[in-house]
Protein backbone atom coordinates (compact mmCIF):
# COMPACT_ATOMS: atom_id res chain seq x y z
CA MET A 1 130.44 -41.39 102.63
CA LEU A 2 126.96 -41.71 101.09
CA GLU A 3 124.39 -44.43 101.66
CA LEU A 4 120.94 -44.86 100.17
CA ASP A 5 118.76 -47.00 102.41
CA GLN A 6 115.46 -48.29 100.98
CA LEU A 7 114.85 -45.00 99.19
CA THR A 8 111.33 -44.63 97.75
CA LYS A 9 109.78 -41.72 95.86
CA SER A 10 106.49 -41.33 93.97
CA TYR A 11 104.90 -38.50 91.99
CA GLY A 12 101.19 -38.35 91.21
CA GLY A 13 100.70 -41.97 92.15
CA ARG A 14 103.60 -43.17 89.97
CA THR A 15 106.52 -44.75 91.80
CA VAL A 16 109.78 -43.43 90.41
CA LEU A 17 112.19 -45.03 92.89
CA ALA A 18 111.29 -48.09 94.94
CA GLN A 19 113.32 -49.24 97.97
CA LEU A 20 116.59 -48.21 96.36
CA SER A 21 119.70 -49.07 98.38
CA HIS A 22 123.34 -48.43 97.52
CA VAL A 23 126.60 -47.34 99.16
CA PHE A 24 128.89 -44.84 97.42
CA GLN A 25 132.48 -44.87 98.59
CA ALA A 26 134.46 -41.72 99.42
CA GLY A 27 136.57 -40.50 96.51
CA GLU A 28 134.66 -42.57 93.96
CA PHE A 29 133.63 -41.06 90.60
CA VAL A 30 130.41 -42.83 89.60
CA ALA A 31 128.39 -42.41 86.42
CA ILE A 32 124.69 -43.30 86.49
CA MET A 33 122.96 -44.14 83.23
CA GLY A 34 119.43 -45.29 82.42
CA GLU A 35 116.39 -44.64 80.29
CA SER A 36 114.62 -41.27 80.42
CA GLY A 37 112.04 -41.11 83.19
CA VAL A 38 113.61 -43.83 85.31
CA GLY A 39 114.42 -41.38 88.12
CA LYS A 40 118.04 -40.31 87.63
CA SER A 41 117.47 -36.59 88.26
CA THR A 42 115.05 -37.41 91.08
CA LEU A 43 117.79 -39.47 92.71
CA LEU A 44 120.22 -36.52 92.59
CA ASN A 45 117.61 -34.20 94.10
CA LEU A 46 117.00 -36.66 96.93
CA ILE A 47 120.72 -37.05 97.63
CA ALA A 48 121.10 -33.27 97.73
CA GLY A 49 118.18 -32.89 100.11
CA LEU A 50 116.35 -30.72 97.59
CA ASP A 51 113.50 -33.24 97.59
CA THR A 52 112.21 -35.52 100.33
CA PRO A 53 111.80 -39.29 99.96
CA ASP A 54 108.45 -40.89 100.74
CA ALA A 55 110.32 -43.61 102.62
CA GLY A 56 113.90 -44.61 103.31
CA GLN A 57 116.95 -42.54 104.10
CA VAL A 58 119.79 -40.65 102.46
CA ILE A 59 122.75 -40.94 104.84
CA VAL A 60 125.70 -38.56 104.40
CA ASP A 61 128.84 -39.10 106.49
CA GLY A 62 126.82 -41.36 108.80
CA ALA A 63 124.01 -38.84 109.42
CA PRO A 64 120.53 -39.27 107.90
CA MET A 65 119.49 -36.17 106.00
CA SER A 66 116.07 -36.43 107.64
CA SER A 67 117.68 -35.89 111.06
CA LEU A 68 118.94 -32.43 110.05
CA ASP A 69 116.87 -29.30 110.51
CA ASP A 70 116.64 -26.83 107.63
CA ASP A 71 119.64 -24.79 108.75
CA ALA A 72 121.86 -27.84 109.20
CA ALA A 73 120.82 -29.29 105.84
CA THR A 74 121.55 -25.94 104.16
CA ARG A 75 125.00 -25.81 105.78
CA LEU A 76 125.73 -29.35 104.64
CA ARG A 77 124.79 -28.55 101.03
CA ARG A 78 126.68 -25.26 101.09
CA THR A 79 129.93 -26.58 102.53
CA ARG A 80 130.11 -30.23 101.47
CA MET A 81 128.30 -30.45 98.14
CA GLY A 82 128.58 -29.04 94.65
CA PHE A 83 125.75 -29.10 92.11
CA ILE A 84 125.66 -29.12 88.33
CA PHE A 85 122.04 -29.25 87.25
CA GLN A 86 120.59 -29.13 83.75
CA ALA A 87 118.84 -25.79 84.35
CA PHE A 88 122.21 -24.15 85.28
CA HIS A 89 120.61 -21.76 87.87
CA VAL A 90 123.09 -19.03 86.95
CA LEU A 91 121.90 -15.73 88.48
CA PRO A 92 121.28 -13.19 85.69
CA HIS A 93 121.95 -10.05 87.75
CA LEU A 94 125.44 -11.19 88.83
CA THR A 95 128.60 -11.18 86.74
CA LEU A 96 130.21 -14.49 85.87
CA ARG A 97 132.84 -13.92 88.55
CA GLN A 98 130.17 -13.19 91.15
CA ASN A 99 128.17 -16.27 90.14
CA VAL A 100 131.18 -18.55 90.47
CA ALA A 101 132.34 -16.94 93.72
CA LEU A 102 128.93 -17.31 95.40
CA PRO A 103 129.73 -20.59 97.24
CA LEU A 104 132.98 -19.05 98.52
CA LEU A 105 131.19 -15.95 99.80
CA LEU A 106 128.48 -18.02 101.49
CA ASN A 107 131.20 -20.07 103.19
CA LYS A 108 133.15 -16.92 104.12
CA GLU A 109 136.15 -17.97 102.04
CA PRO A 110 138.37 -15.76 99.83
CA ALA A 111 136.85 -15.28 96.39
CA GLY A 112 140.10 -15.36 94.39
CA ARG A 113 139.61 -18.95 93.18
CA ALA A 114 136.60 -17.85 91.09
CA ASP A 115 138.84 -16.46 88.33
CA LEU A 116 140.96 -19.62 88.38
CA MET A 117 137.88 -21.77 87.84
CA LEU A 118 136.59 -19.53 85.03
CA GLU A 119 139.98 -19.98 83.37
CA ALA A 120 139.75 -23.75 83.90
CA VAL A 121 136.42 -23.96 82.03
CA GLY A 122 137.64 -21.82 79.13
CA LEU A 123 136.08 -18.52 80.21
CA GLY A 124 139.19 -16.74 81.43
CA GLY A 125 139.04 -12.96 81.12
CA ARG A 126 135.24 -12.92 81.06
CA GLY A 127 134.59 -12.51 84.77
CA ASP A 128 132.92 -9.12 84.29
CA ASP A 129 130.49 -10.40 81.64
CA PHE A 130 126.86 -11.15 82.51
CA PRO A 131 124.97 -14.39 81.79
CA ARG A 132 122.90 -12.72 79.04
CA GLN A 133 126.09 -12.46 76.98
CA LEU A 134 126.68 -16.23 77.02
CA SER A 135 125.50 -19.20 74.98
CA GLY A 136 123.89 -22.23 76.59
CA GLY A 137 127.14 -24.15 76.54
CA GLU A 138 129.00 -21.25 78.16
CA LEU A 139 126.33 -20.99 80.87
CA GLN A 140 126.82 -24.67 81.57
CA ARG A 141 130.54 -24.07 82.02
CA VAL A 142 129.83 -21.25 84.49
CA ALA A 143 127.63 -23.65 86.49
CA ILE A 144 130.44 -26.22 86.46
CA ALA A 145 132.99 -23.68 87.67
CA ARG A 146 130.64 -22.63 90.48
CA ALA A 147 130.05 -26.23 91.54
CA LEU A 148 133.79 -26.89 91.85
CA VAL A 149 135.05 -23.59 93.22
CA HIS A 150 134.71 -24.45 96.94
CA ARG A 151 136.25 -27.92 96.57
CA PRO A 152 133.13 -29.90 97.59
CA ALA A 153 133.43 -33.32 99.20
CA LEU A 154 130.57 -34.57 96.99
CA LEU A 155 129.86 -33.38 93.46
CA LEU A 156 126.42 -34.07 91.96
CA ALA A 157 126.26 -33.56 88.21
CA ASP A 158 123.15 -33.92 86.03
CA GLU A 159 124.15 -34.20 82.36
CA PRO A 160 127.16 -31.87 82.82
CA THR A 161 128.18 -32.11 79.15
CA GLY A 162 124.68 -31.99 77.65
CA ASN A 163 125.15 -28.58 75.99
CA LEU A 164 128.82 -28.93 75.07
CA ASP A 165 130.52 -29.92 71.84
CA PRO A 166 132.61 -33.12 72.04
CA GLU A 167 135.97 -31.32 72.34
CA THR A 168 134.79 -29.00 75.12
CA ALA A 169 133.00 -31.89 76.83
CA ASP A 170 136.26 -33.83 77.00
CA VAL A 171 138.05 -30.84 78.58
CA ILE A 172 135.28 -30.45 81.16
CA LEU A 173 135.23 -34.14 82.02
CA GLN A 174 139.00 -34.09 82.50
CA LEU A 175 138.53 -31.10 84.82
CA LEU A 176 135.82 -32.85 86.85
CA ARG A 177 138.01 -35.90 87.24
CA HIS A 178 141.09 -33.85 88.16
CA GLU A 179 139.29 -31.67 90.72
CA THR A 180 137.56 -34.55 92.46
CA ARG A 181 140.73 -36.63 92.61
CA ALA A 182 142.89 -33.71 93.75
CA HIS A 183 140.63 -33.11 96.74
CA GLY A 184 139.61 -36.70 97.48
CA ALA A 185 136.02 -35.90 96.60
CA GLY A 186 133.26 -38.22 95.48
CA ALA A 187 131.25 -37.53 92.35
CA ILE A 188 127.94 -38.84 91.05
CA MET A 189 127.26 -37.97 87.42
CA VAL A 190 123.99 -38.67 85.65
CA THR A 191 124.57 -38.91 81.91
CA HIS A 192 123.24 -40.35 78.67
CA SER A 193 126.69 -40.05 77.11
CA HIS A 194 128.77 -43.21 76.94
CA ALA A 195 131.85 -41.03 76.32
CA ALA A 196 131.18 -39.15 79.56
CA ALA A 197 130.49 -42.34 81.48
CA ALA A 198 133.82 -43.77 80.30
CA MET A 199 135.59 -41.14 82.44
CA ALA A 200 134.09 -42.55 85.64
CA ASP A 201 135.59 -45.15 87.98
CA LYS A 202 132.32 -47.07 87.91
CA VAL A 203 129.20 -47.01 85.74
CA LEU A 204 125.85 -47.91 87.29
CA LEU A 205 122.60 -48.52 85.44
CA LEU A 206 119.43 -47.26 87.11
CA THR A 207 116.33 -49.33 86.32
CA HIS A 208 112.99 -49.80 88.02
CA SER A 209 114.66 -52.68 89.87
CA GLY A 210 117.40 -50.48 91.33
CA LEU A 211 121.06 -49.74 90.66
CA LYS A 212 123.38 -52.32 89.14
CA LEU A 213 126.76 -52.35 87.45
CA ALA A 214 126.47 -51.51 83.76
């Protein structure tokens, strides 16, 4: 499903990832842990095609991301991937329902599942609210609902429980696991939380030497 082949990335003369290779299997829920600054978020951005490697390839479903033009890469992200990033990227001028429904609208799918996903993350009945009315933890849950609403084949999650209390975090992790399993999706979750990592099928440790089983 996803292969990293000799992936290398540097910023300002500092090598963050060096010749990183790994194969992620379809339907696998993987947690990636590691020290701050080791390149975990950079790795997610490269997998998503939001950043470009200096060398090496990200191969999705047998096709190198570098072989896709901008339109094809955008379609791949829009239809096959879901993103939960630390900055949330919730659009302030849209209601919660509109934010969550955005992937469905872009893919020309019915928007009814948006309310179901808001309910699933504990925000049922708040579809007409705007992001300014929410706390940081609630915004994170909106971002999670949006990432899952179109049933992506690959979910990329960067600290998805970072702003949540332990009880809510457990509910969200159960939801991530249920949704990915129900649709045969793969998931890659970057986390510092050992409790979150325990929900994964496999835990990998990212170091300057590469990825290895934790």
